[in-house]
PDB file of N, CA and C in Angstrom:
ATOM      1  N   MET A   1     -27.787   7.672  36.536  1.00  0.00           N
ATOM      2  CA  MET A   1     -28.023   8.407  35.369  1.00  0.00           C
ATOM      3  C   MET A   1     -29.498   8.379  34.997  1.00  0.00           C
ATOM      4  N   THR A   2     -29.672   9.364  34.110  1.00  0.00           N
ATOM      5  CA  THR A   2     -31.014  10.045  33.582  1.00  0.00           C
ATOM      6  C   THR A   2     -31.383   9.349  32.459  1.00  0.00           C
ATOM      7  N   ASP A   3     -32.277   9.202  31.909  1.00  0.00           N
ATOM      8  CA  ASP A   3     -33.060   8.585  30.564  1.00  0.00           C
ATOM      9  C   ASP A   3     -32.398   9.350  29.690  1.00  0.00           C
ATOM     10  N   GLU A   4     -32.094  10.669  29.683  1.00  0.00           N
ATOM     11  CA  GLU A   4     -31.593  11.041  28.375  1.00  0.00           C
ATOM     12  C   GLU A   4     -30.049  10.946  28.173  1.00  0.00           C
ATOM     13  N   GLN A   5     -29.353  10.636  29.513  1.00  0.00           N
ATOM     14  CA  GLN A   5     -27.815   9.979  29.207  1.00  0.00           C
ATOM     15  C   GLN A   5     -27.889   8.714  28.816  1.00  0.00           C
ATOM     16  N   MET A   6     -28.746   7.929  29.501  1.00  0.00           N
ATOM     17  CA  MET A   6     -29.146   6.309  28.918  1.00  0.00           C
ATOM     18  C   MET A   6     -29.372   6.641  27.284  1.00  0.00           C
ATOM     19  N   GLN A   7     -30.408   7.369  26.676  1.00  0.00           N
ATOM     20  CA  GLN A   7     -30.369   7.054  25.236  1.00  0.00           C
ATOM     21  C   GLN A   7     -29.041   7.808  24.707  1.00  0.00           C
ATOM     22  N   ASN A   8     -28.410   9.054  24.734  1.00  0.00           N
ATOM     23  CA  ASN A   8     -27.431   9.369  24.415  1.00  0.00           C
ATOM     24  C   ASN A   8     -26.328   8.040  24.571  1.00  0.00           C
ATOM     25  N   LEU A   9     -26.238   7.446  25.554  1.00  0.00           N
ATOM     26  CA  LEU A   9     -25.175   6.633  25.547  1.00  0.00           C
ATOM     27  C   LEU A   9     -25.401   5.344  24.545  1.00  0.00           C
ATOM     28  N   LEU A  10     -26.866   4.790  24.603  1.00  0.00           N
ATOM     29  CA  LEU A  10     -26.905   3.847  23.711  1.00  0.00           C
ATOM     30  C   LEU A  10     -26.843   4.504  21.854  1.00  0.00           C
ATOM     31  N   THR A  11     -27.030   5.722  21.910  1.00  0.00           N
ATOM     32  CA  THR A  11     -26.907   6.009  20.499  1.00  0.00           C
ATOM     33  C   THR A  11     -25.850   6.046  20.322  1.00  0.00           C
ATOM     34  N   SER A  12     -24.963   6.625  21.061  1.00  0.00           N
ATOM     35  CA  SER A  12     -23.281   6.613  20.834  1.00  0.00           C
ATOM     36  C   SER A  12     -22.665   5.229  20.418  1.00  0.00           C
ATOM     37  N   ILE A  13     -23.477   4.295  21.361  1.00  0.00           N
ATOM     38  CA  ILE A  13     -23.196   2.704  21.335  1.00  0.00           C
ATOM     39  C   ILE A  13     -23.662   2.222  19.610  1.00  0.00           C
ATOM     40  N   ILE A  14     -24.479   2.587  19.255  1.00  0.00           N
ATOM     41  CA  ILE A  14     -25.121   1.896  18.014  1.00  0.00           C
ATOM     42  C   ILE A  14     -24.314   2.677  16.988  1.00  0.00           C
ATOM     43  N   GLU A  15     -23.675   3.811  16.978  1.00  0.00           N
ATOM     44  CA  GLU A  15     -22.953   4.539  15.970  1.00  0.00           C
ATOM     45  C   GLU A  15     -21.841   4.073  15.987  1.00  0.00           C
ATOM     46  N   MET A  16     -21.195   3.836  17.176  1.00  0.00           N
ATOM     47  CA  MET A  16     -19.971   2.618  17.110  1.00  0.00           C
ATOM     48  C   MET A  16     -19.792   1.722  16.558  1.00  0.00           C
ATOM     49  N   LYS A  17     -21.389   0.780  16.900  1.00  0.00           N
ATOM     50  CA  LYS A  17     -21.425  -0.523  16.252  1.00  0.00           C
ATOM     51  C   LYS A  17     -21.384  -0.187  14.695  1.00  0.00           C
ATOM     52  N   ASN A  18     -22.237   0.699  14.385  1.00  0.00           N
ATOM     53  CA  ASN A  18     -22.152   0.872  12.554  1.00  0.00           C
ATOM     54  C   ASN A  18     -20.952   1.086  12.015  1.00  0.00           C
ATOM     55  N   ASN A  19     -19.837   2.148  12.654  1.00  0.00           N
ATOM     56  CA  ASN A  19     -18.740   2.451  12.278  1.00  0.00           C
ATOM     57  C   ASN A  19     -17.780   1.320  12.134  1.00  0.00           C
ATOM     58  N   LEU A  20     -18.037   0.345  13.798  1.00  0.00           N
ATOM     59  CA  LEU A  20     -17.024  -0.900  13.141  1.00  0.00           C
ATOM     60  C   LEU A  20     -17.583  -1.591  11.907  1.00  0.00           C
ATOM     61  N   GLU A  21     -18.917  -2.021  11.574  1.00  0.00           N
ATOM     62  CA  GLU A  21     -19.528  -2.662  10.646  1.00  0.00           C
ATOM     63  C   GLU A  21     -19.173  -2.157   9.313  1.00  0.00           C
ATOM     64  N   ARG A  22     -18.752  -0.694   8.926  1.00  0.00           N
ATOM     65  CA  ARG A  22     -18.417  -0.034   8.101  1.00  0.00           C
ATOM     66  C   ARG A  22     -16.848  -0.188   7.527  1.00  0.00           C
ATOM     67  N   MET A  23     -15.878  -0.439   8.701  1.00  0.00           N
ATOM     68  CA  MET A  23     -14.821  -0.736   8.623  1.00  0.00           C
ATOM     69  C   MET A  23     -14.442  -1.861   8.270  1.00  0.00           C
ATOM     70  N   ALA A  24     -15.246  -2.915   8.660  1.00  0.00           N
ATOM     71  CA  ALA A  24     -15.013  -4.286   8.432  1.00  0.00           C
ATOM     72  C   ALA A  24     -15.280  -4.426   7.027  1.00  0.00           C
ATOM     73  N   GLU A  25     -16.115  -4.041   6.581  1.00  0.00           N
ATOM     74  CA  GLU A  25     -16.549  -3.708   4.956  1.00  0.00           C
ATOM     75  C   GLU A  25     -15.440  -3.234   4.076  1.00  0.00           C
ATOM     76  N   LYS A  26     -15.149  -2.522   4.883  1.00  0.00           N
ATOM     77  CA  LYS A  26     -13.567  -1.537   4.008  1.00  0.00           C
ATOM     78  C   LYS A  26     -12.738  -2.369   4.050  1.00  0.00           C
ATOM     79  N   GLN A  27     -12.448  -3.161   5.002  1.00  0.00           N
ATOM     80  CA  GLN A  27     -11.216  -4.164   5.453  1.00  0.00           C
ATOM     81  C   GLN A  27     -11.450  -5.213   4.417  1.00  0.00           C
ATOM     82  N   GLU A  28     -12.548  -5.708   4.338  1.00  0.00           N
ATOM     83  CA  GLU A  28     -12.502  -7.007   3.234  1.00  0.00           C
ATOM     84  C   GLU A  28     -12.332  -6.790   1.931  1.00  0.00           C
ATOM     85  N   GLU A  29     -12.693  -4.915   1.599  1.00  0.00           N
ATOM     86  CA  GLU A  29     -12.725  -4.595   0.143  1.00  0.00           C
ATOM     87  C   GLU A  29     -11.229  -4.236  -0.212  1.00  0.00           C
ATOM     88  N   MET A  30     -10.267  -3.818   1.115  1.00  0.00           N
ATOM     89  CA  MET A  30      -8.950  -3.556   1.219  1.00  0.00           C
ATOM     90  C   MET A  30      -8.262  -4.877   0.810  1.00  0.00           C
ATOM     91  N   ILE A  31      -8.785  -5.884   1.305  1.00  0.00           N
ATOM     92  CA  ILE A  31      -8.079  -7.435   1.375  1.00  0.00           C
ATOM     93  C   ILE A  31      -8.030  -7.816  -0.080  1.00  0.00           C
ATOM     94  N   SER A  32      -9.203  -7.758  -0.688  1.00  0.00           N
ATOM     95  CA  SER A  32      -9.654  -7.788  -2.344  1.00  0.00           C
ATOM     96  C   SER A  32      -8.708  -7.210  -3.154  1.00  0.00           C
ATOM     97  N   ASP A  33      -8.837  -6.011  -3.003  1.00  0.00           N
ATOM     98  CA  ASP A  33      -7.540  -5.194  -3.656  1.00  0.00           C
ATOM     99  C   ASP A  33      -6.154  -5.568  -3.771  1.00  0.00           C
ATOM    100  N   VAL A  34      -5.527  -5.726  -2.393  1.00  0.00           N
ATOM    101  CA  VAL A  34      -4.328  -6.583  -1.989  1.00  0.00           C
ATOM    102  C   VAL A  34      -3.991  -7.678  -2.913  1.00  0.00           C
ATOM    103  N   LYS A  35      -5.060  -8.456  -2.998  1.00  0.00           N
ATOM    104  CA  LYS A  35      -5.304  -9.810  -3.770  1.00  0.00           C
ATOM    105  C   LYS A  35      -4.940  -9.488  -5.337  1.00  0.00           C
ATOM    106  N   GLU A  36      -5.682  -8.601  -5.508  1.00  0.00           N
ATOM    107  CA  GLU A  36      -5.687  -8.126  -6.984  1.00  0.00           C
ATOM    108  C   GLU A  36      -4.149  -7.835  -7.440  1.00  0.00           C
ATOM    109  N   ILE A  37      -3.729  -6.775  -6.441  1.00  0.00           N
ATOM    110  CA  ILE A  37      -2.540  -6.330  -6.914  1.00  0.00           C
ATOM    111  C   ILE A  37      -1.365  -7.040  -6.921  1.00  0.00           C
ATOM    112  N   LYS A  38      -1.668  -8.276  -5.647  1.00  0.00           N
ATOM    113  CA  LYS A  38      -0.645  -9.192  -5.748  1.00  0.00           C
ATOM    114  C   LYS A  38      -0.495 -10.258  -7.149  1.00  0.00           C
ATOM    115  N   LYS A  39      -1.617 -10.280  -7.527  1.00  0.00           N
ATOM    116  CA  LYS A  39      -1.863 -11.190  -8.841  1.00  0.00           C
ATOM    117  C   LYS A  39      -1.230 -10.236  -9.898  1.00  0.00           C
ATOM    118  N   ALA A  40      -1.330  -9.255  -9.534  1.00  0.00           N
ATOM    119  CA  ALA A  40      -0.928  -8.092 -10.908  1.00  0.00           C
ATOM    120  C   ALA A  40       0.662  -8.261 -10.902  1.00  0.00           C
ATOM    121  N   VAL A  41       1.371  -8.359  -9.902  1.00  0.00           N
ATOM    122  CA  VAL A  41       2.678  -8.453  -9.643  1.00  0.00           C
ATOM    123  C   VAL A  41       3.080  -9.676  -9.739  1.00  0.00           C
ATOM    124  N   TYR A  42       2.581 -10.641  -9.427  1.00  0.00           N
ATOM    125  CA  TYR A  42       3.270 -11.726  -9.179  1.00  0.00           C
ATOM    126  C   TYR A  42       2.824 -12.980 -10.456  1.00  0.00           C
ATOM    127  N   ASP A  43       1.586 -12.612 -11.224  1.00  0.00           N
ATOM    128  CA  ASP A  43       1.228 -13.823 -11.912  1.00  0.00           C
ATOM    129  C   ASP A  43       2.097 -14.472 -12.743  1.00  0.00           C
ATOM    130  N   PRO A  44       2.944 -15.602 -12.626  1.00  0.00           N
ATOM    131  CA  PRO A  44       4.025 -16.104 -13.570  1.00  0.00           C
ATOM    132  C   PRO A  44       3.636 -15.756 -15.026  1.00  0.00           C
ATOM    133  N   GLU A  45       2.477 -15.488 -15.539  1.00  0.00           N
ATOM    134  CA  GLU A  45       2.303 -15.412 -17.029  1.00  0.00           C
ATOM    135  C   GLU A  45       1.979 -13.834 -17.684  1.00  0.00           C
ATOM    136  N   SER A  46       1.386 -13.040 -16.684  1.00  0.00           N
ATOM    137  CA  SER A  46       1.179 -12.033 -17.071  1.00  0.00           C
ATOM    138  C   SER A  46       1.515 -11.121 -16.132  1.00  0.00           C
ATOM    139  N   GLY A  47       2.304 -11.498 -14.942  1.00  0.00           N
ATOM    140  CA  GLY A  47       2.479 -10.318 -14.093  1.00  0.00           C
ATOM    141  C   GLY A  47       3.576  -9.337 -14.149  1.00  0.00           C
ATOM    142  N   LEU A  48       4.026  -8.266 -13.587  1.00  0.00           N
ATOM    143  CA  LEU A  48       4.595  -7.390 -13.843  1.00  0.00           C
ATOM    144  C   LEU A  48       6.372  -7.816 -13.995  1.00  0.00           C
ATOM    145  N   TYR A  49       6.312  -8.883 -12.910  1.00  0.00           N
ATOM    146  CA  TYR A  49       7.833  -9.575 -12.991  1.00  0.00           C
ATOM    147  C   TYR A  49       8.282 -10.681 -14.466  1.00  0.00           C
ATOM    148  N   ALA A  50       6.934 -10.875 -15.007  1.00  0.00           N
ATOM    149  CA  ALA A  50       6.975 -11.816 -15.815  1.00  0.00           C
ATOM    150  C   ALA A  50       7.241 -10.770 -17.268  1.00  0.00           C
ATOM    151  N   ARG A  51       6.566 -10.092 -17.447  1.00  0.00           N
ATOM    152  CA  ARG A  51       6.652  -8.823 -18.532  1.00  0.00           C
ATOM    153  C   ARG A  51       8.018  -8.278 -18.420  1.00  0.00           C
ATOM    154  N   ILE A  52       8.810  -7.939 -17.363  1.00  0.00           N
ATOM    155  CA  ILE A  52       9.804  -7.144 -17.090  1.00  0.00           C
ATOM    156  C   ILE A  52      10.892  -8.604 -17.526  1.00  0.00           C
ATOM    157  N   LYS A  53      10.677  -9.512 -17.587  1.00  0.00           N
ATOM    158  CA  LYS A  53      11.428 -11.099 -17.858  1.00  0.00           C
ATOM    159  C   LYS A  53      11.665 -10.760 -19.477  1.00  0.00           C
ATOM    160  N   GLU A  54      10.598 -10.951 -19.686  1.00  0.00           N
ATOM    161  CA  GLU A  54      10.371 -10.918 -21.393  1.00  0.00           C
ATOM    162  C   GLU A  54      11.001  -9.780 -22.091  1.00  0.00           C
ATOM    163  N   LEU A  55      10.630  -8.627 -21.417  1.00  0.00           N
ATOM    164  CA  LEU A  55      11.645  -7.336 -21.774  1.00  0.00           C
ATOM    165  C   LEU A  55      13.055  -7.481 -21.953  1.00  0.00           C
ATOM    166  N   GLU A  56      13.464  -7.840 -21.149  1.00  0.00           N
ATOM    167  CA  GLU A  56      15.082  -8.394 -20.843  1.00  0.00           C
ATOM    168  C   GLU A  56      15.570  -9.442 -21.252  1.00  0.00           C
ATOM    169  N   ASN A  57      14.672 -10.322 -22.255  1.00  0.00           N
ATOM    170  CA  ASN A  57      14.717 -11.127 -23.063  1.00  0.00           C
ATOM    171  C   ASN A  57      14.855 -10.760 -24.251  1.00  0.00           C
ATOM    172  N   TRP A  58      13.753  -9.748 -24.892  1.00  0.00           N
ATOM    173  CA  TRP A  58      13.780  -9.286 -25.793  1.00  0.00           C
ATOM    174  C   TRP A  58      15.108  -8.273 -26.281  1.00  0.00           C
ATOM    175  N   LYS A  59      15.114  -7.329 -25.246  1.00  0.00           N
ATOM    176  CA  LYS A  59      16.584  -6.627 -25.258  1.00  0.00           C
ATOM    177  C   LYS A  59      18.072  -7.140 -25.612  1.00  0.00           C
ATOM    178  N   GLU A  60      18.082  -8.607 -24.925  1.00  0.00           N
ATOM    179  CA  GLU A  60      19.282  -9.080 -25.209  1.00  0.00           C
ATOM    180  C   GLU A  60      19.279 -10.006 -26.417  1.00  0.00           C
ATOM    181  N   SER A  61      18.343 -10.373 -27.013  1.00  0.00           N
ATOM    182  CA  SER A  61      17.864 -10.692 -28.572  1.00  0.00           C
ATOM    183  C   SER A  61      18.127  -9.949 -29.346  1.00  0.00           C
ATOM    184  N   MET A  62      17.457  -8.490 -29.547  1.00  0.00           N
ATOM    185  CA  MET A  62      17.933  -7.365 -29.911  1.00  0.00           C
ATOM    186  C   MET A  62      19.354  -7.057 -29.941  1.00  0.00           C
ATOM    187  N   SER A  63      20.047  -7.268 -28.512  1.00  0.00           N
ATOM    188  CA  SER A  63      21.562  -6.568 -28.724  1.00  0.00           C
ATOM    189  C   SER A  63      22.144  -7.350 -29.501  1.00  0.00           C
ATOM    190  N   LYS A  64      22.279  -9.114 -29.676  1.00  0.00           N
ATOM    191  CA  LYS A  64      22.664  -9.846 -30.462  1.00  0.00           C
ATOM    192  C   LYS A  64      22.566  -9.305 -31.973  1.00  0.00           C
ATOM    193  N   VAL A  65      21.012  -9.156 -32.394  1.00  0.00           N
ATOM    194  CA  VAL A  65      21.031  -8.665 -33.845  1.00  0.00           C
ATOM    195  C   VAL A  65      21.779  -7.769 -34.344  1.00  0.00           C
ATOM    196  N   ILE A  66      21.664  -6.674 -33.389  1.00  0.00           N
ATOM    197  CA  ILE A  66      22.526  -5.134 -33.888  1.00  0.00           C
ATOM    198  C   ILE A  66      23.577  -5.572 -33.864  1.00  0.00           C
ATOM    199  N   TRP A  67      24.368  -6.508 -32.762  1.00  0.00           N
ATOM    200  CA  TRP A  67      25.876  -6.696 -32.979  1.00  0.00           C
ATOM    201  C   TRP A  67      26.368  -7.409 -34.445  1.00  0.00           C
ATOM    202  N   THR A  68      25.238  -8.354 -34.726  1.00  0.00           N
ATOM    203  CA  THR A  68      25.633  -9.160 -35.833  1.00  0.00           C
ATOM    204  C   THR A  68      25.349  -8.074 -37.346  1.00  0.00           C
ATOM    205  N   ILE A  69      24.331  -7.105 -37.088  1.00  0.00           N
ATOM    206  CA  ILE A  69      24.319  -6.590 -38.129  1.00  0.00           C
ATOM    207  C   ILE A  69      25.188  -5.507 -38.729  1.00  0.00           C
ATOM    208  N   GLY A  70      25.850  -5.010 -37.404  1.00  0.00           N
ATOM    209  CA  GLY A  70      26.844  -4.052 -37.348  1.00  0.00           C
ATOM    210  C   GLY A  70      27.942  -4.748 -37.814  1.00  0.00           C
ATOM    211  N   THR A  71      28.187  -5.564 -37.121  1.00  0.00           N
ATOM    212  CA  THR A  71      29.638  -6.524 -37.675  1.00  0.00           C
ATOM    213  C   THR A  71      29.602  -6.582 -39.069  1.00  0.00           C
ATOM    214  N   GLY A  72      28.591  -7.080 -40.037  1.00  0.00           N
ATOM    215  CA  GLY A  72      28.430  -7.367 -41.183  1.00  0.00           C
ATOM    216  C   GLY A  72      28.727  -6.028 -42.038  1.00  0.00           C
ATOM    217  N   PHE A  73      28.178  -4.772 -41.536  1.00  0.00           N
ATOM    218  CA  PHE A  73      28.122  -3.698 -42.037  1.00  0.00           C
ATOM    219  C   PHE A  73      29.638  -3.113 -41.964  1.00  0.00           C
ATOM    220  N   ILE A  74      30.310  -3.368 -41.235  1.00  0.00           N
ATOM    221  CA  ILE A  74      31.749  -2.900 -40.974  1.00  0.00           C
ATOM    222  C   ILE A  74      32.510  -4.195 -42.051  1.00  0.00           C
ATOM    223  N   GLY A  75      32.119  -5.395 -42.168  1.00  0.00           N
ATOM    224  CA  GLY A  75      32.940  -6.035 -42.926  1.00  0.00           C
ATOM    225  C   GLY A  75      32.567  -5.456 -44.296  1.00  0.00           C
ATOM    226  N   LEU A  76      31.328  -5.208 -44.474  1.00  0.00           N
ATOM    227  CA  LEU A  76      31.209  -4.764 -46.100  1.00  0.00           C
ATOM    228  C   LEU A  76      31.862  -3.361 -46.338  1.00  0.00           C
ATOM    229  N   VAL A  77      32.024  -2.663 -45.445  1.00  0.00           N
ATOM    230  CA  VAL A  77      32.709  -1.388 -45.529  1.00  0.00           C
ATOM    231  C   VAL A  77      34.273  -1.604 -45.630  1.00  0.00           C
ATOM    232  N   LEU A  78      34.758  -2.579 -44.837  1.00  0.00           N
ATOM    233  CA  LEU A  78      36.326  -3.006 -45.217  1.00  0.00           C
ATOM    234  C   LEU A  78      36.172  -3.657 -46.575  1.00  0.00           C
ATOM    235  N   ASN A  79      35.398  -4.522 -46.704  1.00  0.00           N
ATOM    236  CA  ASN A  79      35.810  -5.061 -47.937  1.00  0.00           C
ATOM    237  C   ASN A  79      35.801  -4.155 -49.148  1.00  0.00           C
ATOM    238  N   THR A  80      34.657  -3.046 -49.201  1.00  0.00           N
ATOM    239  CA  THR A  80      34.662  -2.238 -50.345  1.00  0.00           C
ATOM    240  C   THR A  80      36.067  -1.414 -50.336  1.00  0.00           C
ATOM    241  N   LEU A  81      36.518  -0.865 -48.955  1.00  0.00           N
ATOM    242  CA  LEU A  81      37.808  -0.235 -48.962  1.00  0.00           C
ATOM    243  C   LEU A  81      38.772  -1.027 -49.585  1.00  0.00           C
ATOM    244  N   TYR A  82      39.215  -2.398 -49.131  1.00  0.00           N
ATOM    245  CA  TYR A  82      40.107  -3.097 -49.871  1.00  0.00           C
ATOM    246  C   TYR A  82      39.966  -3.083 -51.136  1.00  0.00           C
ATOM    247  N   GLN A  83      39.027  -3.462 -51.867  1.00  0.00           N
ATOM    248  CA  GLN A  83      38.448  -3.317 -53.202  1.00  0.00           C
ATOM    249  C   GLN A  83      38.787  -2.299 -54.054  1.00  0.00           C
ATOM    250  N   ASN A  84      38.574  -1.171 -53.464  1.00  0.00           N
ATOM    251  CA  ASN A  84      38.767   0.317 -54.106  1.00  0.00           C
ATOM    252  C   ASN A  84      40.303   0.382 -54.006  1.00  0.00           C
ATOM    253  N   ILE A  85      40.655  -0.041 -52.934  1.00  0.00           N
ATOM    254  CA  ILE A  85      42.265   0.480 -52.459  1.00  0.00           C
ATOM    255  C   ILE A  85      43.311  -0.262 -53.358  1.00  0.00           C
ATOM    256  N   GLY A  86      42.816  -1.634 -53.111  1.00  0.00           N
ATOM    257  CA  GLY A  86      43.864  -2.706 -53.554  1.00  0.00           C
ATOM    258  C   GLY A  86      43.884  -3.148 -54.931  1.00  0.00           C
ATOM    259  N   GLY A  87      42.710  -2.781 -55.544  1.00  0.00           N
ATOM    260  CA  GLY A  87      42.113  -3.441 -56.896  1.00  0.00           C
ATOM    261  C   GLY A  87      42.528  -2.515 -58.020  1.00  0.00           C
TER     262      GLY A  87
END
């Protein structure tokens, strides 16, 4: 091998080493991002699942309120009709 070939080989090895170091840095960054995403989804107090459960509970309670108001309104209408027709 000539000196020029050795120099090219050495340069290539150094470039590969630098690329591997950058890949390792990016991998650490990616791990950090995945941890943040996991926390945002699974955190029991403010995560996505907690928010969905909160919305489902709100929807269920509002459904009960709407049924109560609707039943009361129908009762008032029927009472008014009864008083006007029967009275």
